[in-house]
């Protein structure tokens, strides 16, 4: 299996794990045996394009062909979105308690 296909399969596996989906759960959604999904993720079998697209869509991903000269632009957009999402997750250094104790 070539390195590009390995990277794509790794991306699908990572997405499955990020969603806390077991191989069995995803395989059931796809209508394939869990053992076959395991072999796909391990790079032991070549996956058909239609199956790959179906796997991606079940993981809320979309397979697209992007003109090579636009790849950096697309990566930049994705990175910007991730930075914005992470900035909303930042917690303040302190919080104001509703009940303050007065030691007067």
PDB file of N, CA and C in Angstrom:
ATOM      1  N   UNK A   1       0.852  -1.174   0.000  1.00  0.00           N
ATOM      2  CA  UNK A   1       0.000   0.000   0.000  1.00  0.00           C
ATOM      3  C   UNK A   1       0.897   1.236   0.000  1.00  0.00           C
ATOM      4  N   UNK A   2       0.573   2.214  -0.840  1.00  0.00           N
ATOM      5  CA  UNK A   2       1.422   3.405  -0.917  1.00  0.00           C
ATOM      6  C   UNK A   2       1.181   4.333   0.274  1.00  0.00           C
ATOM      7  N   UNK A   3       2.110   5.255   0.476  1.00  0.00           N
ATOM      8  CA  UNK A   3       2.069   6.102   1.672  1.00  0.00           C
ATOM      9  C   UNK A   3       0.859   7.037   1.695  1.00  0.00           C
ATOM     10  N   UNK A   4       0.411   7.494   0.538  1.00  0.00           N
ATOM     11  CA  UNK A   4      -0.761   8.372   0.498  1.00  0.00           C
ATOM     12  C   UNK A   4      -1.993   7.630   0.982  1.00  0.00           C
ATOM     13  N   UNK A   5      -2.176   6.412   0.501  1.00  0.00           N
ATOM     14  CA  UNK A   5      -3.321   5.615   0.935  1.00  0.00           C
ATOM     15  C   UNK A   5      -3.212   5.294   2.424  1.00  0.00           C
ATOM     16  N   UNK A   6      -2.007   5.017   2.898  1.00  0.00           N
ATOM     17  CA  UNK A   6      -1.808   4.755   4.327  1.00  0.00           C
ATOM     18  C   UNK A   6      -2.215   5.973   5.157  1.00  0.00           C
ATOM     19  N   UNK A   7      -1.851   7.165   4.693  1.00  0.00           N
ATOM     20  CA  UNK A   7      -2.221   8.388   5.412  1.00  0.00           C
ATOM     21  C   UNK A   7      -3.736   8.573   5.439  1.00  0.00           C
ATOM     22  N   UNK A   8      -4.388   8.292   4.324  1.00  0.00           N
ATOM     23  CA  UNK A   8      -5.841   8.433   4.262  1.00  0.00           C
ATOM     24  C   UNK A   8      -6.530   7.451   5.203  1.00  0.00           C
ATOM     25  N   UNK A   9      -6.066   6.215   5.191  1.00  0.00           N
ATOM     26  CA  UNK A   9      -6.632   5.198   6.082  1.00  0.00           C
ATOM     27  C   UNK A   9      -6.382   5.590   7.537  1.00  0.00           C
ATOM     28  N   UNK A  10      -5.190   6.095   7.837  1.00  0.00           N
ATOM     29  CA  UNK A  10      -4.881   6.536   9.203  1.00  0.00           C
ATOM     30  C   UNK A  10      -5.823   7.667   9.626  1.00  0.00           C
ATOM     31  N   UNK A  11      -6.130   8.573   8.709  1.00  0.00           N
ATOM     32  CA  UNK A  11      -7.054   9.667   9.002  1.00  0.00           C
ATOM     33  C   UNK A  11      -8.434   9.128   9.349  1.00  0.00           C
ATOM     34  N   UNK A  12      -8.898   8.137   8.593  1.00  0.00           N
ATOM     35  CA  UNK A  12     -10.202   7.534   8.890  1.00  0.00           C
ATOM     36  C   UNK A  12     -10.184   6.839  10.245  1.00  0.00           C
ATOM     37  N   UNK A  13      -9.119   6.104  10.522  1.00  0.00           N
ATOM     38  CA  UNK A  13      -9.016   5.405  11.807  1.00  0.00           C
ATOM     39  C   UNK A  13      -9.004   6.413  12.954  1.00  0.00           C
ATOM     40  N   UNK A  14      -8.250   7.488  12.803  1.00  0.00           N
ATOM     41  CA  UNK A  14      -8.189   8.525  13.842  1.00  0.00           C
ATOM     42  C   UNK A  14      -9.556   9.170  14.057  1.00  0.00           C
ATOM     43  N   UNK A  15     -10.280   9.406  12.965  1.00  0.00           N
ATOM     44  CA  UNK A  15     -11.623   9.988  13.071  1.00  0.00           C
ATOM     45  C   UNK A  15     -12.560   9.030  13.795  1.00  0.00           C
ATOM     46  N   UNK A  16     -12.455   7.746  13.492  1.00  0.00           N
ATOM     47  CA  UNK A  16     -13.286   6.748  14.176  1.00  0.00           C
ATOM     48  C   UNK A  16     -12.994   6.755  15.670  1.00  0.00           C
ATOM     49  N   UNK A  17     -11.719   6.757  16.014  1.00  0.00           N
ATOM     50  CA  UNK A  17     -11.325   6.747  17.424  1.00  0.00           C
ATOM     51  C   UNK A  17     -11.742   8.039  18.124  1.00  0.00           C
ATOM     52  N   UNK A  18     -11.644   9.171  17.441  1.00  0.00           N
ATOM     53  CA  UNK A  18     -12.041  10.458  18.032  1.00  0.00           C
ATOM     54  C   UNK A  18     -13.532  10.489  18.347  1.00  0.00           C
ATOM     55  N   UNK A  19     -14.308   9.745  17.583  1.00  0.00           N
ATOM     56  CA  UNK A  19     -15.747   9.664  17.814  1.00  0.00           C
ATOM     57  C   UNK A  19     -16.099   8.544  18.794  1.00  0.00           C
ATOM     58  N   UNK A  20     -15.071   7.901  19.337  1.00  0.00           N
ATOM     59  CA  UNK A  20     -15.254   6.786  20.278  1.00  0.00           C
ATOM     60  C   UNK A  20     -16.102   5.670  19.676  1.00  0.00           C
ATOM     61  N   UNK A  21     -15.922   5.454  18.376  1.00  0.00           N
ATOM     62  CA  UNK A  21     -16.616   4.363  17.691  1.00  0.00           C
ATOM     63  C   UNK A  21     -15.705   3.146  17.655  1.00  0.00           C
ATOM     64  N   UNK A  22     -16.236   2.014  18.016  1.00  0.00           N
ATOM     65  CA  UNK A  22     -15.460   0.784  17.898  1.00  0.00           C
ATOM     66  C   UNK A  22     -15.441   0.355  16.433  1.00  0.00           C
ATOM     67  N   UNK A  23     -14.517  -0.533  16.116  1.00  0.00           N
ATOM     68  CA  UNK A  23     -14.501  -1.081  14.756  1.00  0.00           C
ATOM     69  C   UNK A  23     -15.824  -1.781  14.474  1.00  0.00           C
ATOM     70  N   UNK A  24     -16.337  -2.490  15.458  1.00  0.00           N
ATOM     71  CA  UNK A  24     -17.594  -3.221  15.269  1.00  0.00           C
ATOM     72  C   UNK A  24     -18.742  -2.261  14.963  1.00  0.00           C
ATOM     73  N   UNK A  25     -18.814  -1.146  15.695  1.00  0.00           N
ATOM     74  CA  UNK A  25     -19.903  -0.183  15.476  1.00  0.00           C
ATOM     75  C   UNK A  25     -19.835   0.410  14.068  1.00  0.00           C
ATOM     76  N   UNK A  26     -18.637   0.799  13.627  1.00  0.00           N
ATOM     77  CA  UNK A  26     -18.503   1.355  12.280  1.00  0.00           C
ATOM     78  C   UNK A  26     -18.767   0.284  11.231  1.00  0.00           C
ATOM     79  N   UNK A  27     -18.250  -0.900  11.454  1.00  0.00           N
ATOM     80  CA  UNK A  27     -18.472  -1.998  10.506  1.00  0.00           C
ATOM     81  C   UNK A  27     -19.965  -2.291  10.362  1.00  0.00           C
ATOM     82  N   UNK A  28     -20.703  -2.253  11.471  1.00  0.00           N
ATOM     83  CA  UNK A  28     -22.152  -2.475  11.412  1.00  0.00           C
ATOM     84  C   UNK A  28     -22.828  -1.401  10.567  1.00  0.00           C
ATOM     85  N   UNK A  29     -22.407  -0.142  10.727  1.00  0.00           N
ATOM     86  CA  UNK A  29     -22.972   0.948   9.919  1.00  0.00           C
ATOM     87  C   UNK A  29     -22.677   0.747   8.439  1.00  0.00           C
ATOM     88  N   UNK A  30     -21.492   0.193   8.156  1.00  0.00           N
ATOM     89  CA  UNK A  30     -21.066  -0.003   6.769  1.00  0.00           C
ATOM     90  C   UNK A  30     -21.587  -1.306   6.176  1.00  0.00           C
ATOM     91  N   UNK A  31     -22.070  -2.193   7.035  1.00  0.00           N
ATOM     92  CA  UNK A  31     -22.557  -3.488   6.563  1.00  0.00           C
ATOM     93  C   UNK A  31     -21.438  -4.434   6.158  1.00  0.00           C
ATOM     94  N   UNK A  32     -20.298  -4.319   6.844  1.00  0.00           N
ATOM     95  CA  UNK A  32     -19.170  -5.214   6.570  1.00  0.00           C
ATOM     96  C   UNK A  32     -18.744  -5.882   7.874  1.00  0.00           C
ATOM     97  N   UNK A  33     -18.054  -7.016   7.794  1.00  0.00           N
ATOM     98  CA  UNK A  33     -17.565  -7.649   9.021  1.00  0.00           C
ATOM     99  C   UNK A  33     -16.501  -6.785   9.704  1.00  0.00           C
ATOM    100  N   UNK A  34     -16.481  -6.829  11.025  1.00  0.00           N
ATOM    101  CA  UNK A  34     -15.484  -6.082  11.794  1.00  0.00           C
ATOM    102  C   UNK A  34     -14.085  -6.504  11.393  1.00  0.00           C
ATOM    103  N   UNK A  35     -13.896  -7.784  11.105  1.00  0.00           N
ATOM    104  CA  UNK A  35     -12.568  -8.282  10.732  1.00  0.00           C
ATOM    105  C   UNK A  35     -12.077  -7.628   9.437  1.00  0.00           C
ATOM    106  N   UNK A  36     -12.998  -7.349   8.520  1.00  0.00           N
ATOM    107  CA  UNK A  36     -12.612  -6.701   7.260  1.00  0.00           C
ATOM    108  C   UNK A  36     -12.192  -5.251   7.516  1.00  0.00           C
ATOM    109  N   UNK A  37     -12.939  -4.559   8.381  1.00  0.00           N
ATOM    110  CA  UNK A  37     -12.568  -3.188   8.729  1.00  0.00           C
ATOM    111  C   UNK A  37     -11.203  -3.168   9.407  1.00  0.00           C
ATOM    112  N   UNK A  38     -10.946  -4.140  10.251  1.00  0.00           N
ATOM    113  CA  UNK A  38      -9.646  -4.247  10.918  1.00  0.00           C
ATOM    114  C   UNK A  38      -8.528  -4.395   9.892  1.00  0.00           C
ATOM    115  N   UNK A  39      -8.754  -5.218   8.885  1.00  0.00           N
ATOM    116  CA  UNK A  39      -7.749  -5.419   7.835  1.00  0.00           C
ATOM    117  C   UNK A  39      -7.553  -4.145   7.006  1.00  0.00           C
ATOM    118  N   UNK A  40      -8.637  -3.419   6.760  1.00  0.00           N
ATOM    119  CA  UNK A  40      -8.526  -2.151   6.023  1.00  0.00           C
ATOM    120  C   UNK A  40      -7.662  -1.183   6.812  1.00  0.00           C
ATOM    121  N   UNK A  41      -7.970  -1.025   8.109  1.00  0.00           N
ATOM    122  CA  UNK A  41      -7.221  -0.090   8.945  1.00  0.00           C
ATOM    123  C   UNK A  41      -5.763  -0.504   9.112  1.00  0.00           C
ATOM    124  N   UNK A  42      -5.499  -1.796   9.040  1.00  0.00           N
ATOM    125  CA  UNK A  42      -4.123  -2.289   9.176  1.00  0.00           C
ATOM    126  C   UNK A  42      -3.372  -2.253   7.846  1.00  0.00           C
ATOM    127  N   UNK A  43      -4.063  -1.894   6.761  1.00  0.00           N
ATOM    128  CA  UNK A  43      -3.421  -1.837   5.455  1.00  0.00           C
ATOM    129  C   UNK A  43      -3.194  -3.203   4.838  1.00  0.00           C
ATOM    130  N   UNK A  44      -3.936  -4.197   5.296  1.00  0.00           N
ATOM    131  CA  UNK A  44      -3.760  -5.558   4.791  1.00  0.00           C
ATOM    132  C   UNK A  44      -4.585  -5.844   3.548  1.00  0.00           C
ATOM    133  N   UNK A  45      -5.578  -5.003   3.293  1.00  0.00           N
ATOM    134  CA  UNK A  45      -6.386  -5.160   2.079  1.00  0.00           C
ATOM    135  C   UNK A  45      -6.558  -3.794   1.430  1.00  0.00           C
ATOM    136  N   UNK A  46      -6.717  -3.787   0.133  1.00  0.00           N
ATOM    137  CA  UNK A  46      -7.012  -2.541  -0.572  1.00  0.00           C
ATOM    138  C   UNK A  46      -8.510  -2.299  -0.505  1.00  0.00           C
ATOM    139  N   UNK A  47      -8.867  -1.088  -0.193  1.00  0.00           N
ATOM    140  CA  UNK A  47     -10.276  -0.733  -0.083  1.00  0.00           C
ATOM    141  C   UNK A  47     -10.732  -0.110  -1.400  1.00  0.00           C
ATOM    142  N   UNK A  48     -11.938  -0.454  -1.826  1.00  0.00           N
ATOM    143  CA  UNK A  48     -12.504   0.146  -3.030  1.00  0.00           C
ATOM    144  C   UNK A  48     -12.831   1.605  -2.742  1.00  0.00           C
ATOM    145  N   UNK A  49     -12.761   2.419  -3.764  1.00  0.00           N
ATOM    146  CA  UNK A  49     -13.026   3.847  -3.606  1.00  0.00           C
ATOM    147  C   UNK A  49     -14.418   4.090  -3.034  1.00  0.00           C
ATOM    148  N   UNK A  50     -15.419   3.378  -3.525  1.00  0.00           N
ATOM    149  CA  UNK A  50     -16.788   3.567  -3.029  1.00  0.00           C
ATOM    150  C   UNK A  50     -16.873   3.245  -1.541  1.00  0.00           C
ATOM    151  N   UNK A  51     -16.181   2.209  -1.115  1.00  0.00           N
ATOM    152  CA  UNK A  51     -16.174   1.845   0.307  1.00  0.00           C
ATOM    153  C   UNK A  51     -15.452   2.896   1.130  1.00  0.00           C
ATOM    154  N   UNK A  52     -14.363   3.414   0.593  1.00  0.00           N
ATOM    155  CA  UNK A  52     -13.606   4.452   1.287  1.00  0.00           C
ATOM    156  C   UNK A  52     -14.471   5.693   1.491  1.00  0.00           C
ATOM    157  N   UNK A  53     -15.168   6.115   0.449  1.00  0.00           N
ATOM    158  CA  UNK A  53     -16.039   7.289   0.534  1.00  0.00           C
ATOM    159  C   UNK A  53     -17.150   7.047   1.551  1.00  0.00           C
ATOM    160  N   UNK A  54     -17.730   5.859   1.542  1.00  0.00           N
ATOM    161  CA  UNK A  54     -18.793   5.536   2.501  1.00  0.00           C
ATOM    162  C   UNK A  54     -18.263   5.559   3.932  1.00  0.00           C
ATOM    163  N   UNK A  55     -17.063   5.022   4.132  1.00  0.00           N
ATOM    164  CA  UNK A  55     -16.451   5.068   5.464  1.00  0.00           C
ATOM    165  C   UNK A  55     -16.269   6.515   5.904  1.00  0.00           C
ATOM    166  N   UNK A  56     -15.732   7.338   5.026  1.00  0.00           N
ATOM    167  CA  UNK A  56     -15.489   8.745   5.350  1.00  0.00           C
ATOM    168  C   UNK A  56     -16.791   9.449   5.713  1.00  0.00           C
ATOM    169  N   UNK A  57     -17.806   9.256   4.930  1.00  0.00           N
ATOM    170  CA  UNK A  57     -19.078   9.940   5.182  1.00  0.00           C
ATOM    171  C   UNK A  57     -19.715   9.482   6.488  1.00  0.00           C
ATOM    172  N   UNK A  58     -19.545   8.212   6.838  1.00  0.00           N
ATOM    173  CA  UNK A  58     -20.050   7.722   8.122  1.00  0.00           C
ATOM    174  C   UNK A  58     -19.300   8.339   9.291  1.00  0.00           C
ATOM    175  N   UNK A  59     -18.117   8.867   9.026  1.00  0.00           N
ATOM    176  CA  UNK A  59     -17.317   9.527  10.059  1.00  0.00           C
ATOM    177  C   UNK A  59     -17.405  11.051   9.944  1.00  0.00           C
ATOM    178  N   UNK A  60     -18.402  11.523   9.174  1.00  0.00           N
ATOM    179  CA  UNK A  60     -18.639  12.945   8.957  1.00  0.00           C
ATOM    180  C   UNK A  60     -17.458  13.641   8.280  1.00  0.00           C
ATOM    181  N   UNK A  61     -16.823  12.929   7.359  1.00  0.00           N
ATOM    182  CA  UNK A  61     -15.742  13.472   6.541  1.00  0.00           C
ATOM    183  C   UNK A  61     -16.181  13.425   5.084  1.00  0.00           C
ATOM    184  N   UNK A  62     -15.585  14.257   4.269  1.00  0.00           N
ATOM    185  CA  UNK A  62     -15.901  14.277   2.844  1.00  0.00           C
ATOM    186  C   UNK A  62     -14.618  14.130   2.041  1.00  0.00           C
ATOM    187  N   UNK A  63     -14.652  13.265   1.056  1.00  0.00           N
ATOM    188  CA  UNK A  63     -13.505  13.046   0.174  1.00  0.00           C
ATOM    189  C   UNK A  63     -13.619  14.034  -0.983  1.00  0.00           C
ATOM    190  N   UNK A  64     -12.547  14.800  -1.215  1.00  0.00           N
ATOM    191  CA  UNK A  64     -12.564  15.802  -2.280  1.00  0.00           C
ATOM    192  C   UNK A  64     -11.238  15.797  -3.019  1.00  0.00           C
ATOM    193  N   UNK A  65     -11.288  16.153  -4.278  1.00  0.00           N
ATOM    194  CA  UNK A  65     -10.078  16.390  -5.054  1.00  0.00           C
ATOM    195  C   UNK A  65      -9.903  17.895  -5.146  1.00  0.00           C
ATOM    196  N   UNK A  66      -8.746  18.358  -4.730  1.00  0.00           N
ATOM    197  CA  UNK A  66      -8.461  19.789  -4.695  1.00  0.00           C
ATOM    198  C   UNK A  66      -7.298  20.056  -5.645  1.00  0.00           C
ATOM    199  N   UNK A  67      -7.405  21.089  -6.476  1.00  0.00           N
ATOM    200  CA  UNK A  67      -6.261  21.407  -7.331  1.00  0.00           C
ATOM    201  C   UNK A  67      -5.005  21.592  -6.472  1.00  0.00           C
ATOM    202  N   UNK A  68      -3.917  21.024  -6.927  1.00  0.00           N
ATOM    203  CA  UNK A  68      -2.672  21.033  -6.154  1.00  0.00           C
ATOM    204  C   UNK A  68      -2.286  22.441  -5.704  1.00  0.00           C
ATOM    205  N   UNK A  69      -2.473  23.436  -6.578  1.00  0.00           N
ATOM    206  CA  UNK A  69      -2.070  24.793  -6.217  1.00  0.00           C
ATOM    207  C   UNK A  69      -2.958  25.386  -5.120  1.00  0.00           C
ATOM    208  N   UNK A  70      -4.081  24.761  -4.799  1.00  0.00           N
ATOM    209  CA  UNK A  70      -4.985  25.260  -3.758  1.00  0.00           C
ATOM    210  C   UNK A  70      -4.829  24.514  -2.431  1.00  0.00           C
ATOM    211  N   UNK A  71      -3.977  23.508  -2.374  1.00  0.00           N
ATOM    212  CA  UNK A  71      -3.841  22.688  -1.168  1.00  0.00           C
ATOM    213  C   UNK A  71      -3.431  23.529   0.038  1.00  0.00           C
ATOM    214  N   UNK A  72      -2.449  24.400  -0.116  1.00  0.00           N
ATOM    215  CA  UNK A  72      -2.011  25.230   1.014  1.00  0.00           C
ATOM    216  C   UNK A  72      -3.135  26.138   1.502  1.00  0.00           C
ATOM    217  N   UNK A  73      -3.926  26.655   0.582  1.00  0.00           N
ATOM    218  CA  UNK A  73      -5.055  27.497   0.955  1.00  0.00           C
ATOM    219  C   UNK A  73      -6.064  26.709   1.791  1.00  0.00           C
ATOM    220  N   UNK A  74      -6.394  25.520   1.340  1.00  0.00           N
ATOM    221  CA  UNK A  74      -7.352  24.681   2.068  1.00  0.00           C
ATOM    222  C   UNK A  74      -6.806  24.306   3.441  1.00  0.00           C
ATOM    223  N   UNK A  75      -5.532  23.929   3.502  1.00  0.00           N
ATOM    224  CA  UNK A  75      -4.926  23.605   4.796  1.00  0.00           C
ATOM    225  C   UNK A  75      -4.959  24.815   5.725  1.00  0.00           C
ATOM    226  N   UNK A  76      -4.711  25.999   5.183  1.00  0.00           N
ATOM    227  CA  UNK A  76      -4.769  27.218   5.979  1.00  0.00           C
ATOM    228  C   UNK A  76      -6.163  27.472   6.534  1.00  0.00           C
ATOM    229  N   UNK A  77      -7.178  27.242   5.711  1.00  0.00           N
ATOM    230  CA  UNK A  77      -8.557  27.410   6.175  1.00  0.00           C
ATOM    231  C   UNK A  77      -8.881  26.438   7.306  1.00  0.00           C
ATOM    232  N   UNK A  78      -8.450  25.202   7.146  1.00  0.00           N
ATOM    233  CA  UNK A  78      -8.705  24.192   8.180  1.00  0.00           C
ATOM    234  C   UNK A  78      -7.987  24.566   9.466  1.00  0.00           C
ATOM    235  N   UNK A  79      -6.723  24.974   9.360  1.00  0.00           N
ATOM    236  CA  UNK A  79      -5.964  25.367  10.552  1.00  0.00           C
ATOM    237  C   UNK A  79      -6.591  26.574  11.233  1.00  0.00           C
ATOM    238  N   UNK A  80      -7.073  27.544  10.455  1.00  0.00           N
ATOM    239  CA  UNK A  80      -7.724  28.725  11.027  1.00  0.00           C
ATOM    240  C   UNK A  80      -8.974  28.326  11.796  1.00  0.00           C
ATOM    241  N   UNK A  81      -9.749  27.432  11.224  1.00  0.00           N
ATOM    242  CA  UNK A  81     -10.972  26.972  11.891  1.00  0.00           C
ATOM    243  C   UNK A  81     -10.628  26.276  13.196  1.00  0.00           C
ATOM    244  N   UNK A  82      -9.598  25.434  13.184  1.00  0.00           N
ATOM    245  CA  UNK A  82      -9.192  24.724  14.398  1.00  0.00           C
ATOM    246  C   UNK A  82      -8.720  25.701  15.465  1.00  0.00           C
ATOM    247  N   UNK A  83      -7.985  26.740  15.067  1.00  0.00           N
ATOM    248  CA  UNK A  83      -7.519  27.743  16.036  1.00  0.00           C
ATOM    249  C   UNK A  83      -8.695  28.481  16.656  1.00  0.00           C
ATOM    250  N   UNK A  84      -9.686  28.818  15.848  1.00  0.00           N
ATOM    251  CA  UNK A  84     -10.871  29.504  16.363  1.00  0.00           C
ATOM    252  C   UNK A  84     -11.611  28.606  17.344  1.00  0.00           C
ATOM    253  N   UNK A  85     -11.770  27.331  16.994  1.00  0.00           N
ATOM    254  CA  UNK A  85     -12.456  26.400  17.889  1.00  0.00           C
ATOM    255  C   UNK A  85     -11.701  26.259  19.200  1.00  0.00           C
ATOM    256  N   UNK A  86     -10.378  26.178  19.139  1.00  0.00           N
ATOM    257  CA  UNK A  86      -9.583  26.029  20.356  1.00  0.00           C
ATOM    258  C   UNK A  86      -9.612  27.305  21.191  1.00  0.00           C
ATOM    259  N   UNK A  87      -9.710  28.460  20.567  1.00  0.00           N
ATOM    260  CA  UNK A  87      -9.729  29.710  21.332  1.00  0.00           C
ATOM    261  C   UNK A  87     -10.993  29.814  22.175  1.00  0.00           C
ATOM    262  N   UNK A  88     -12.072  29.178  21.737  1.00  0.00           N
ATOM    263  CA  UNK A  88     -13.308  29.177  22.519  1.00  0.00           C
ATOM    264  C   UNK A  88     -13.219  28.211  23.694  1.00  0.00           C
ATOM    265  N   UNK A  89     -12.264  27.307  23.652  1.00  0.00           N
ATOM    266  CA  UNK A  89     -12.113  26.325  24.718  1.00  0.00           C
ATOM    267  C   UNK A  89     -11.219  26.823  25.844  1.00  0.00           C
ATOM    268  N   UNK A  90     -10.556  27.953  25.646  1.00  0.00           N
ATOM    269  CA  UNK A  90      -9.639  28.472  26.655  1.00  0.00           C
ATOM    270  C   UNK A  90     -10.437  28.932  27.867  1.00  0.00           C
ATOM    271  N   UNK A  91     -10.011  28.491  29.026  1.00  0.00           N
ATOM    272  CA  UNK A  91     -10.690  28.855  30.258  1.00  0.00           C
ATOM    273  C   UNK A  91      -9.980  30.051  30.878  1.00  0.00           C
ATOM    274  N   UNK A  92     -10.727  30.901  31.559  1.00  0.00           N
ATOM    275  CA  UNK A  92     -10.092  32.056  32.193  1.00  0.00           C
ATOM    276  C   UNK A  92      -9.135  31.622  33.297  1.00  0.00           C
ATOM    277  N   UNK A  93      -8.178  32.484  33.597  1.00  0.00           N
ATOM    278  CA  UNK A  93      -7.188  32.176  34.627  1.00  0.00           C
ATOM    279  C   UNK A  93      -7.818  32.166  36.009  1.00  0.00           C
ATOM    280  N   UNK A  94      -8.929  32.859  36.168  1.00  0.00           N
ATOM    281  CA  UNK A  94      -9.619  32.885  37.460  1.00  0.00           C
ATOM    282  C   UNK A  94     -11.109  33.059  37.211  1.00  0.00           C
ATOM    283  N   UNK A  95     -11.906  32.791  38.229  1.00  0.00           N
ATOM    284  CA  UNK A  95     -13.344  33.017  38.141  1.00  0.00           C
ATOM    285  C   UNK A  95     -13.782  33.802  39.363  1.00  0.00           C
ATOM    286  N   UNK A  96     -14.852  34.527  39.221  1.00  0.00           N
ATOM    287  CA  UNK A  96     -15.429  35.245  40.344  1.00  0.00           C
ATOM    288  C   UNK A  96     -16.463  34.338  40.991  1.00  0.00           C
ATOM    289  N   UNK A  97     -16.290  34.101  42.263  1.00  0.00           N
ATOM    290  CA  UNK A  97     -17.245  33.259  42.974  1.00  0.00           C
ATOM    291  C   UNK A  97     -18.502  34.060  43.277  1.00  0.00           C
ATOM    292  N   UNK A  98     -19.625  33.366  43.256  1.00  0.00           N
ATOM    293  CA  UNK A  98     -20.881  34.014  43.616  1.00  0.00           C
ATOM    294  C   UNK A  98     -20.897  34.375  45.099  1.00  0.00           C
ATOM    295  N   UNK A  99     -20.289  33.548  45.898  1.00  0.00           N
ATOM    296  CA  UNK A  99     -20.278  33.765  47.341  1.00  0.00           C
ATOM    297  C   UNK A  99     -18.873  34.131  47.781  1.00  0.00           C
ATOM    298  N   UNK A 100     -18.675  35.384  48.053  1.00  0.00           N
ATOM    299  CA  UNK A 100     -17.375  35.821  48.540  1.00  0.00           C
ATOM    300  C   UNK A 100     -17.456  35.930  50.052  1.00  0.00           C
ATOM    301  N   UNK A 101     -16.410  35.529  50.711  1.00  0.00           N
ATOM    302  CA  UNK A 101     -16.399  35.632  52.168  1.00  0.00           C
ATOM    303  C   UNK A 101     -15.786  36.952  52.567  1.00  0.00           C
ATOM    304  N   UNK A 102     -16.447  37.645  53.448  1.00  0.00           N
ATOM    305  CA  UNK A 102     -15.940  38.913  53.970  1.00  0.00           C
ATOM    306  C   UNK A 102     -15.351  38.667  55.343  1.00  0.00           C
ATOM    307  N   UNK A 103     -14.137  39.052  55.522  1.00  0.00           N
ATOM    308  CA  UNK A 103     -13.488  38.850  56.803  1.00  0.00           C
ATOM    309  C   UNK A 103     -13.386  40.159  57.564  1.00  0.00           C
ATOM    310  N   UNK A 104     -14.360  41.060  57.415  1.00  0.00           N
ATOM    311  CA  UNK A 104     -14.345  42.352  58.111  1.00  0.00           C
ATOM    312  C   UNK A 104     -14.723  42.180  59.547  1.00  0.00           C
TER     313      UNK A 104
END
